[in-house]
Amino acid sequence: MASFKKSLDSLKSTSQSATKGVTDTAVQAAQEAVQQVADSSKETANTAAQEASRQTHAAIGKAADKATDTIKEFGQKLETK
């Protein structure tokens, strides 16, 4: 009977160790997946910010060019008067 109990205790210990190993592996895999999503989100946000910055600079450049043209036209009108 003692031998049977010892075998059951050993089986229980082995099962608990295996369960812990599976749980640890699953937790690690989930953490890695979350990290990958976070990294991907950062990249997407950075790309969007860079594109917004590029478009803002382009719009400012166009506005500056338009303002320069308007000032030149105004100056030319003043010269002809």
N, C-alpha and C. Protein backbone atom coordinates (compact mmCIF):
# COMPACT_ATOMS: atom_id res chain seq x y z
N MET A 1 0.83 -1.20 0.00
CA MET A 1 0.00 0.00 0.00
C MET A 1 0.86 1.25 0.00
N ALA A 2 1.95 1.24 0.76
CA ALA A 2 2.84 2.39 0.81
C ALA A 2 3.47 2.64 -0.55
N SER A 3 3.77 1.55 -1.25
CA SER A 3 4.37 1.67 -2.57
C SER A 3 3.37 2.30 -3.55
N PHE A 4 2.10 1.90 -3.44
CA PHE A 4 1.06 2.45 -4.30
C PHE A 4 0.87 3.94 -4.03
N LYS A 5 0.87 4.34 -2.74
CA LYS A 5 0.74 5.75 -2.37
C LYS A 5 1.92 6.54 -2.89
N LYS A 6 3.11 5.94 -2.78
CA LYS A 6 4.32 6.62 -3.27
C LYS A 6 4.24 6.83 -4.78
N SER A 7 3.71 5.84 -5.48
CA SER A 7 3.55 5.95 -6.94
C SER A 7 2.54 7.05 -7.29
N LEU A 8 1.44 7.10 -6.54
CA LEU A 8 0.45 8.15 -6.78
C LEU A 8 1.01 9.54 -6.50
N ASP A 9 1.78 9.65 -5.41
CA ASP A 9 2.40 10.95 -5.09
C ASP A 9 3.38 11.35 -6.19
N SER A 10 4.12 10.40 -6.69
CA SER A 10 5.07 10.68 -7.77
C SER A 10 4.33 11.12 -9.02
N LEU A 11 3.23 10.42 -9.34
CA LEU A 11 2.42 10.78 -10.50
C LEU A 11 1.83 12.18 -10.33
N LYS A 12 1.35 12.47 -9.14
CA LYS A 12 0.79 13.79 -8.85
C LYS A 12 1.85 14.87 -9.04
N SER A 13 3.03 14.64 -8.53
CA SER A 13 4.13 15.60 -8.64
C SER A 13 4.51 15.81 -10.11
N THR A 14 4.59 14.71 -10.84
CA THR A 14 4.93 14.79 -12.27
C THR A 14 3.86 15.55 -13.04
N SER A 15 2.59 15.28 -12.73
CA SER A 15 1.48 15.97 -13.39
C SER A 15 1.52 17.46 -13.09
N GLN A 16 1.78 17.81 -11.83
CA GLN A 16 1.85 19.23 -11.46
C GLN A 16 3.00 19.92 -12.17
N SER A 17 4.15 19.24 -12.25
CA SER A 17 5.30 19.82 -12.95
C SER A 17 4.98 20.03 -14.43
N ALA A 18 4.35 19.04 -15.03
CA ALA A 18 3.99 19.15 -16.45
C ALA A 18 2.99 20.28 -16.67
N THR A 19 1.99 20.37 -15.79
CA THR A 19 0.99 21.42 -15.89
C THR A 19 1.64 22.79 -15.75
N LYS A 20 2.55 22.91 -14.78
CA LYS A 20 3.25 24.19 -14.59
C LYS A 20 4.07 24.54 -15.82
N GLY A 21 4.73 23.54 -16.40
CA GLY A 21 5.52 23.78 -17.61
C GLY A 21 4.66 24.26 -18.76
N VAL A 22 3.50 23.62 -18.94
CA VAL A 22 2.59 24.02 -20.02
C VAL A 22 2.06 25.42 -19.76
N THR A 23 1.69 25.70 -18.51
CA THR A 23 1.17 27.02 -18.15
C THR A 23 2.23 28.09 -18.37
N ASP A 24 3.45 27.82 -17.91
CA ASP A 24 4.53 28.80 -18.10
C ASP A 24 4.78 29.07 -19.58
N THR A 25 4.76 28.02 -20.38
CA THR A 25 4.97 28.18 -21.82
C THR A 25 3.84 28.99 -22.45
N ALA A 26 2.61 28.72 -22.04
CA ALA A 26 1.47 29.45 -22.58
C ALA A 26 1.52 30.92 -22.18
N VAL A 27 1.89 31.19 -20.94
CA VAL A 27 2.00 32.57 -20.47
C VAL A 27 3.10 33.30 -21.25
N GLN A 28 4.23 32.63 -21.43
CA GLN A 28 5.34 33.24 -22.17
C GLN A 28 4.92 33.54 -23.61
N ALA A 29 4.22 32.59 -24.24
CA ALA A 29 3.76 32.80 -25.62
C ALA A 29 2.79 33.97 -25.69
N ALA A 30 1.90 34.07 -24.72
CA ALA A 30 0.95 35.18 -24.70
C ALA A 30 1.67 36.51 -24.50
N GLN A 31 2.66 36.53 -23.62
CA GLN A 31 3.43 37.77 -23.39
C GLN A 31 4.17 38.18 -24.66
N GLU A 32 4.73 37.21 -25.36
CA GLU A 32 5.44 37.52 -26.60
C GLU A 32 4.48 38.05 -27.66
N ALA A 33 3.29 37.47 -27.73
CA ALA A 33 2.29 37.93 -28.70
C ALA A 33 1.86 39.35 -28.38
N VAL A 34 1.64 39.65 -27.12
CA VAL A 34 1.25 41.01 -26.72
C VAL A 34 2.37 41.99 -27.05
N GLN A 35 3.63 41.59 -26.82
CA GLN A 35 4.76 42.46 -27.13
C GLN A 35 4.85 42.73 -28.63
N GLN A 36 4.61 41.69 -29.43
CA GLN A 36 4.64 41.87 -30.89
C GLN A 36 3.56 42.84 -31.35
N VAL A 37 2.38 42.72 -30.77
CA VAL A 37 1.29 43.64 -31.12
C VAL A 37 1.65 45.07 -30.71
N ALA A 38 2.23 45.20 -29.51
CA ALA A 38 2.63 46.53 -29.03
C ALA A 38 3.69 47.13 -29.95
N ASP A 39 4.68 46.32 -30.33
CA ASP A 39 5.74 46.80 -31.23
C ASP A 39 5.15 47.20 -32.58
N SER A 40 4.23 46.39 -33.08
CA SER A 40 3.60 46.68 -34.36
C SER A 40 2.79 47.97 -34.28
N SER A 41 2.10 48.16 -33.16
CA SER A 41 1.32 49.38 -32.98
C SER A 41 2.22 50.61 -32.94
N LYS A 42 3.37 50.47 -32.28
CA LYS A 42 4.33 51.59 -32.23
C LYS A 42 4.81 51.93 -33.63
N GLU A 43 5.13 50.89 -34.41
CA GLU A 43 5.60 51.13 -35.77
C GLU A 43 4.53 51.82 -36.60
N THR A 44 3.28 51.37 -36.46
CA THR A 44 2.17 51.97 -37.20
C THR A 44 1.99 53.43 -36.79
N ALA A 45 2.06 53.69 -35.49
CA ALA A 45 1.91 55.06 -35.00
C ALA A 45 3.05 55.94 -35.50
N ASN A 46 4.27 55.40 -35.48
CA ASN A 46 5.42 56.17 -35.97
C ASN A 46 5.29 56.47 -37.46
N THR A 47 4.86 55.48 -38.22
CA THR A 47 4.68 55.67 -39.66
C THR A 47 3.61 56.73 -39.93
N ALA A 48 2.51 56.66 -39.19
CA ALA A 48 1.43 57.64 -39.36
C ALA A 48 1.91 59.03 -38.98
N ALA A 49 2.68 59.13 -37.91
CA ALA A 49 3.20 60.44 -37.48
C ALA A 49 4.16 61.00 -38.53
N GLN A 50 5.00 60.16 -39.09
CA GLN A 50 5.93 60.61 -40.12
C GLN A 50 5.19 61.10 -41.36
N GLU A 51 4.15 60.37 -41.75
CA GLU A 51 3.37 60.77 -42.92
C GLU A 51 2.63 62.08 -42.66
N ALA A 52 2.07 62.22 -41.46
CA ALA A 52 1.39 63.47 -41.11
C ALA A 52 2.37 64.63 -41.13
N SER A 53 3.57 64.40 -40.62
CA SER A 53 4.60 65.44 -40.62
C SER A 53 4.98 65.82 -42.05
N ARG A 54 5.15 64.81 -42.90
CA ARG A 54 5.50 65.07 -44.31
C ARG A 54 4.42 65.89 -44.99
N GLN A 55 3.15 65.51 -44.76
CA GLN A 55 2.05 66.24 -45.39
C GLN A 55 1.94 67.66 -44.83
N THR A 56 2.20 67.83 -43.55
CA THR A 56 2.16 69.16 -42.94
C THR A 56 3.25 70.05 -43.54
N HIS A 57 4.45 69.50 -43.68
CA HIS A 57 5.54 70.27 -44.28
C HIS A 57 5.21 70.65 -45.72
N ALA A 58 4.62 69.73 -46.45
CA ALA A 58 4.25 70.02 -47.84
C ALA A 58 3.19 71.12 -47.89
N ALA A 59 2.21 71.05 -47.01
CA ALA A 59 1.16 72.08 -46.97
C ALA A 59 1.73 73.43 -46.59
N ILE A 60 2.64 73.46 -45.63
CA ILE A 60 3.28 74.72 -45.23
C ILE A 60 4.09 75.29 -46.39
N GLY A 61 4.80 74.40 -47.10
CA GLY A 61 5.57 74.85 -48.26
C GLY A 61 4.69 75.46 -49.33
N LYS A 62 3.56 74.81 -49.61
CA LYS A 62 2.62 75.34 -50.61
C LYS A 62 2.05 76.69 -50.16
N ALA A 63 1.70 76.78 -48.89
CA ALA A 63 1.15 78.04 -48.37
C ALA A 63 2.19 79.15 -48.44
N ALA A 64 3.43 78.82 -48.14
CA ALA A 64 4.51 79.82 -48.20
C ALA A 64 4.73 80.28 -49.64
N ASP A 65 4.71 79.33 -50.57
CA ASP A 65 4.86 79.69 -51.98
C ASP A 65 3.72 80.59 -52.44
N LYS A 66 2.51 80.25 -52.03
CA LYS A 66 1.34 81.06 -52.41
C LYS A 66 1.45 82.46 -51.80
N ALA A 67 1.87 82.54 -50.55
CA ALA A 67 2.03 83.85 -49.90
C ALA A 67 3.10 84.66 -50.62
N THR A 68 4.19 84.03 -50.99
CA THR A 68 5.27 84.72 -51.71
C THR A 68 4.75 85.26 -53.05
N ASP A 69 4.02 84.42 -53.77
CA ASP A 69 3.46 84.85 -55.07
C ASP A 69 2.50 86.03 -54.88
N THR A 70 1.66 85.96 -53.85
CA THR A 70 0.69 87.02 -53.59
C THR A 70 1.41 88.32 -53.26
N ILE A 71 2.47 88.26 -52.46
CA ILE A 71 3.23 89.46 -52.10
C ILE A 71 3.91 90.04 -53.33
N LYS A 72 4.45 89.17 -54.18
CA LYS A 72 5.09 89.64 -55.41
C LYS A 72 4.08 90.34 -56.32
N GLU A 73 2.91 89.72 -56.46
CA GLU A 73 1.85 90.32 -57.28
C GLU A 73 1.43 91.68 -56.73
N PHE A 74 1.28 91.76 -55.42
CA PHE A 74 0.90 93.01 -54.77
C PHE A 74 1.98 94.07 -55.03
N GLY A 75 3.24 93.66 -54.88
CA GLY A 75 4.35 94.60 -55.12
C GLY A 75 4.36 95.10 -56.55
N GLN A 76 4.10 94.21 -57.50
CA GLN A 76 4.07 94.60 -58.91
C GLN A 76 2.92 95.57 -59.18
N LYS A 77 1.78 95.35 -58.53
CA LYS A 77 0.65 96.24 -58.70
C LYS A 77 0.98 97.63 -58.15
N LEU A 78 1.69 97.66 -57.03
CA LEU A 78 2.06 98.94 -56.45
C LEU A 78 3.03 99.70 -57.34
N GLU A 79 3.94 98.97 -58.00
CA GLU A 79 4.94 99.60 -58.88
C GLU A 79 4.29 100.22 -60.10
N THR A 80 3.24 99.59 -60.58
CA THR A 80 2.60 100.11 -61.79
C THR A 80 1.71 101.32 -61.51
N LYS A 81 1.38 101.57 -60.26
CA LYS A 81 0.51 102.71 -59.93
C LYS A 81 1.30 103.94 -59.81
